[in-house]
Amino acid sequence: MATFEIFMPALSSTMTEGKIVEWLKQPGDRVERGESVLVVESDKADMDVESFEAGFLGAVLLPAGSSAPVGDTIGLVVETEAELQELQAKGAPAAVPASAPVAAAPAPRASAPVAAP
């Protein structure tokens, strides 16, 4: 059993952030390796993003219209239907861990220097 992350790709050498134009697949949909899963707007053009793994789209962590830095996890692909059912049984909290570290990381850093002196 495996869960694979879909990362915001660097679609050009100058791209630092991408905007999700649309998800071509919905959670639960079968995904083949090399199949387009979403469309990302870069600083130069809109491009399809392909899955590197076969399985099922388990979760969309950032909805269409959202932006993310290159390298951030924006979705999950699971290998089996059993993993898909397990992820769906957990419900919406599957999206919370992906965004929580990003939001929580700056807060401890800001709090630590203030508390240290």
C-alpha atoms as a PDB file:
ATOM      1  CA  MET A   1       0.000   0.000   0.000  1.00  0.00           C
ATOM      2  CA  ALA A   2       1.265   3.450  -0.872  1.00  0.00           C
ATOM      3  CA  THR A   3       0.210   7.059  -0.940  1.00  0.00           C
ATOM      4  CA  PHE A   4       1.919   9.355  -3.428  1.00  0.00           C
ATOM      5  CA  GLU A   5       2.021  13.132  -3.215  1.00  0.00           C
ATOM      6  CA  ILE A   6       1.239  15.406  -6.142  1.00  0.00           C
ATOM      7  CA  PHE A   7       3.581  18.385  -5.910  1.00  0.00           C
ATOM      8  CA  MET A   8       3.250  21.837  -7.444  1.00  0.00           C
ATOM      9  CA  PRO A   9       5.687  21.458 -10.345  1.00  0.00           C
ATOM     10  CA  ALA A  10       8.216  23.981 -11.626  1.00  0.00           C
ATOM     11  CA  LEU A  11       6.945  24.473 -15.169  1.00  0.00           C
ATOM     12  CA  SER A  12       9.669  26.980 -16.069  1.00  0.00           C
ATOM     13  CA  SER A  13      13.076  27.970 -14.731  1.00  0.00           C
ATOM     14  CA  THR A  14      11.640  31.204 -13.306  1.00  0.00           C
ATOM     15  CA  MET A  15       8.495  29.745 -11.739  1.00  0.00           C
ATOM     16  CA  THR A  16       8.349  30.010  -7.943  1.00  0.00           C
ATOM     17  CA  GLU A  17       4.588  29.599  -7.476  1.00  0.00           C
ATOM     18  CA  GLY A  18       1.737  28.119  -9.483  1.00  0.00           C
ATOM     19  CA  LYS A  19      -2.015  28.612  -9.537  1.00  0.00           C
ATOM     20  CA  ILE A  20      -4.350  25.638  -9.902  1.00  0.00           C
ATOM     21  CA  VAL A  21      -6.644  26.444 -12.830  1.00  0.00           C
ATOM     22  CA  GLU A  22      -8.710  23.252 -12.576  1.00  0.00           C
ATOM     23  CA  TRP A  23      -8.588  19.671 -11.400  1.00  0.00           C
ATOM     24  CA  LEU A  24      -9.269  17.341 -14.343  1.00  0.00           C
ATOM     25  CA  LYS A  25      -9.879  14.437 -11.948  1.00  0.00           C
ATOM     26  CA  GLN A  26     -11.997  14.348  -8.808  1.00  0.00           C
ATOM     27  CA  PRO A  27     -11.229  12.444  -5.590  1.00  0.00           C
ATOM     28  CA  GLY A  28     -12.058   8.789  -6.163  1.00  0.00           C
ATOM     29  CA  ASP A  29     -11.343   8.893  -9.906  1.00  0.00           C
ATOM     30  CA  ARG A  30      -8.971   6.310 -11.381  1.00  0.00           C
ATOM     31  CA  VAL A  31      -5.653   7.836 -12.486  1.00  0.00           C
ATOM     32  CA  GLU A  32      -3.197   6.252 -14.892  1.00  0.00           C
ATOM     33  CA  ARG A  33       0.523   6.983 -14.915  1.00  0.00           C
ATOM     34  CA  GLY A  34       1.121   9.844 -17.370  1.00  0.00           C
ATOM     35  CA  GLU A  35      -2.533  10.940 -17.338  1.00  0.00           C
ATOM     36  CA  SER A  36      -3.299  14.641 -16.841  1.00  0.00           C
ATOM     37  CA  VAL A  37      -4.708  15.279 -13.376  1.00  0.00           C
ATOM     38  CA  LEU A  38      -4.846  19.079 -13.176  1.00  0.00           C
ATOM     39  CA  VAL A  39      -4.049  22.292 -15.025  1.00  0.00           C
ATOM     40  CA  VAL A  40      -1.572  24.734 -13.489  1.00  0.00           C
ATOM     41  CA  GLU A  41      -1.010  28.354 -14.473  1.00  0.00           C
ATOM     42  CA  SER A  42       2.657  29.289 -14.399  1.00  0.00           C
ATOM     43  CA  ASP A  43       4.289  32.642 -15.004  1.00  0.00           C
ATOM     44  CA  LYS A  44       4.268  31.840 -18.731  1.00  0.00           C
ATOM     45  CA  ALA A  45       1.375  29.513 -19.642  1.00  0.00           C
ATOM     46  CA  ASP A  46      -1.296  27.056 -18.477  1.00  0.00           C
ATOM     47  CA  MET A  47      -0.037  23.468 -18.552  1.00  0.00           C
ATOM     48  CA  ASP A  48      -1.439  20.031 -17.765  1.00  0.00           C
ATOM     49  CA  VAL A  49       0.211  18.199 -14.876  1.00  0.00           C
ATOM     50  CA  GLU A  50       0.471  14.426 -15.217  1.00  0.00           C
ATOM     51  CA  SER A  51       0.413  11.785 -12.508  1.00  0.00           C
ATOM     52  CA  PHE A  52       3.667   9.936 -11.951  1.00  0.00           C
ATOM     53  CA  GLU A  53       1.780   7.003 -10.422  1.00  0.00           C
ATOM     54  CA  ALA A  54      -1.256   4.870 -11.246  1.00  0.00           C
ATOM     55  CA  GLY A  55      -4.039   4.533  -8.706  1.00  0.00           C
ATOM     56  CA  PHE A  56      -6.860   6.755  -7.493  1.00  0.00           C
ATOM     57  CA  LEU A  57      -6.953  10.469  -6.774  1.00  0.00           C
ATOM     58  CA  GLY A  58      -7.284  10.259  -3.015  1.00  0.00           C
ATOM     59  CA  ALA A  59      -7.455  13.917  -2.068  1.00  0.00           C
ATOM     60  CA  VAL A  60      -7.334  17.412  -3.489  1.00  0.00           C
ATOM     61  CA  LEU A  61      -5.455  19.455  -0.886  1.00  0.00           C
ATOM     62  CA  LEU A  62      -5.768  22.790  -2.707  1.00  0.00           C
ATOM     63  CA  PRO A  63      -8.886  23.641  -4.716  1.00  0.00           C
ATOM     64  CA  ALA A  64      -8.943  25.307  -8.131  1.00  0.00           C
ATOM     65  CA  GLY A  65      -8.098  28.982  -7.867  1.00  0.00           C
ATOM     66  CA  SER A  66      -5.534  28.399  -5.104  1.00  0.00           C
ATOM     67  CA  SER A  67      -1.827  29.128  -5.452  1.00  0.00           C
ATOM     68  CA  ALA A  68       1.075  27.209  -3.952  1.00  0.00           C
ATOM     69  CA  PRO A  69       4.856  27.471  -3.987  1.00  0.00           C
ATOM     70  CA  VAL A  70       6.747  25.064  -6.247  1.00  0.00           C
ATOM     71  CA  GLY A  71       7.270  21.779  -4.388  1.00  0.00           C
ATOM     72  CA  ASP A  72       4.237  22.046  -2.086  1.00  0.00           C
ATOM     73  CA  THR A  73       1.935  19.013  -1.875  1.00  0.00           C
ATOM     74  CA  ILE A  74      -1.357  19.824  -3.615  1.00  0.00           C
ATOM     75  CA  GLY A  75      -2.964  16.375  -3.892  1.00  0.00           C
ATOM     76  CA  LEU A  76      -2.642  12.682  -3.085  1.00  0.00           C
ATOM     77  CA  VAL A  77      -2.779   9.548  -5.224  1.00  0.00           C
ATOM     78  CA  VAL A  78      -3.394   6.225  -3.486  1.00  0.00           C
ATOM     79  CA  GLU A  79      -2.523   2.874  -4.984  1.00  0.00           C
ATOM     80  CA  THR A  80      -5.568   0.753  -4.129  1.00  0.00           C
ATOM     81  CA  GLU A  81      -9.323   1.063  -3.674  1.00  0.00           C
ATOM     82  CA  ALA A  82      -8.880  -0.032  -0.050  1.00  0.00           C
ATOM     83  CA  GLU A  83      -6.546   2.923   0.568  1.00  0.00           C
ATOM     84  CA  LEU A  84      -9.017   5.217  -1.182  1.00  0.00           C
ATOM     85  CA  GLN A  85     -11.844   4.016   1.076  1.00  0.00           C
ATOM     86  CA  GLU A  86      -9.636   4.443   4.146  1.00  0.00           C
ATOM     87  CA  LEU A  87      -8.706   7.996   3.115  1.00  0.00           C
ATOM     88  CA  GLN A  88     -12.331   8.863   2.325  1.00  0.00           C
ATOM     89  CA  ALA A  89     -13.438   7.427   5.684  1.00  0.00           C
ATOM     90  CA  LYS A  90     -11.114   9.908   7.383  1.00  0.00           C
ATOM     91  CA  GLY A  91     -12.987  12.673   5.542  1.00  0.00           C
ATOM     92  CA  ALA A  92     -11.908  16.284   5.208  1.00  0.00           C
ATOM     93  CA  PRO A  93      -9.129  16.051   7.819  1.00  0.00           C
ATOM     94  CA  ALA A  94      -6.939  14.548   5.067  1.00  0.00           C
ATOM     95  CA  ALA A  95      -6.481  18.089   3.759  1.00  0.00           C
ATOM     96  CA  VAL A  96      -5.719  19.594   7.168  1.00  0.00           C
ATOM     97  CA  PRO A  97      -2.269  18.008   7.731  1.00  0.00           C
ATOM     98  CA  ALA A  98      -1.047  19.236   4.355  1.00  0.00           C
ATOM     99  CA  SER A  99      -1.924  22.848   5.084  1.00  0.00           C
ATOM    100  CA  ALA A 100      -1.357  22.779   8.845  1.00  0.00           C
ATOM    101  CA  PRO A 101       2.462  22.428   8.738  1.00  0.00           C
ATOM    102  CA  VAL A 102       2.683  25.334   6.324  1.00  0.00           C
ATOM    103  CA  ALA A 103       0.489  27.533   8.519  1.00  0.00           C
ATOM    104  CA  ALA A 104       1.889  26.271  11.813  1.00  0.00           C
ATOM    105  CA  ALA A 105       5.584  26.465  10.901  1.00  0.00           C
ATOM    106  CA  PRO A 106       5.838  30.276  10.934  1.00  0.00           C
ATOM    107  CA  ALA A 107       3.958  30.607  14.230  1.00  0.00           C
ATOM    108  CA  PRO A 108       6.403  28.508  16.330  1.00  0.00           C
ATOM    109  CA  ARG A 109       9.364  30.287  14.739  1.00  0.00           C
ATOM    110  CA  ALA A 110       7.856  33.667  15.587  1.00  0.00           C
ATOM    111  CA  SER A 111       6.930  32.541  19.096  1.00  0.00           C
ATOM    112  CA  ALA A 112      10.284  30.927  19.897  1.00  0.00           C
ATOM    113  CA  PRO A 113      12.433  34.082  19.487  1.00  0.00           C
ATOM    114  CA  VAL A 114       9.923  36.143  21.474  1.00  0.00           C
ATOM    115  CA  ALA A 115       9.864  33.590  24.296  1.00  0.00           C
ATOM    116  CA  ALA A 116      13.672  33.068  24.316  1.00  0.00           C
ATOM    117  CA  PRO A 117      14.775  36.618  25.400  1.00  0.00           C
END
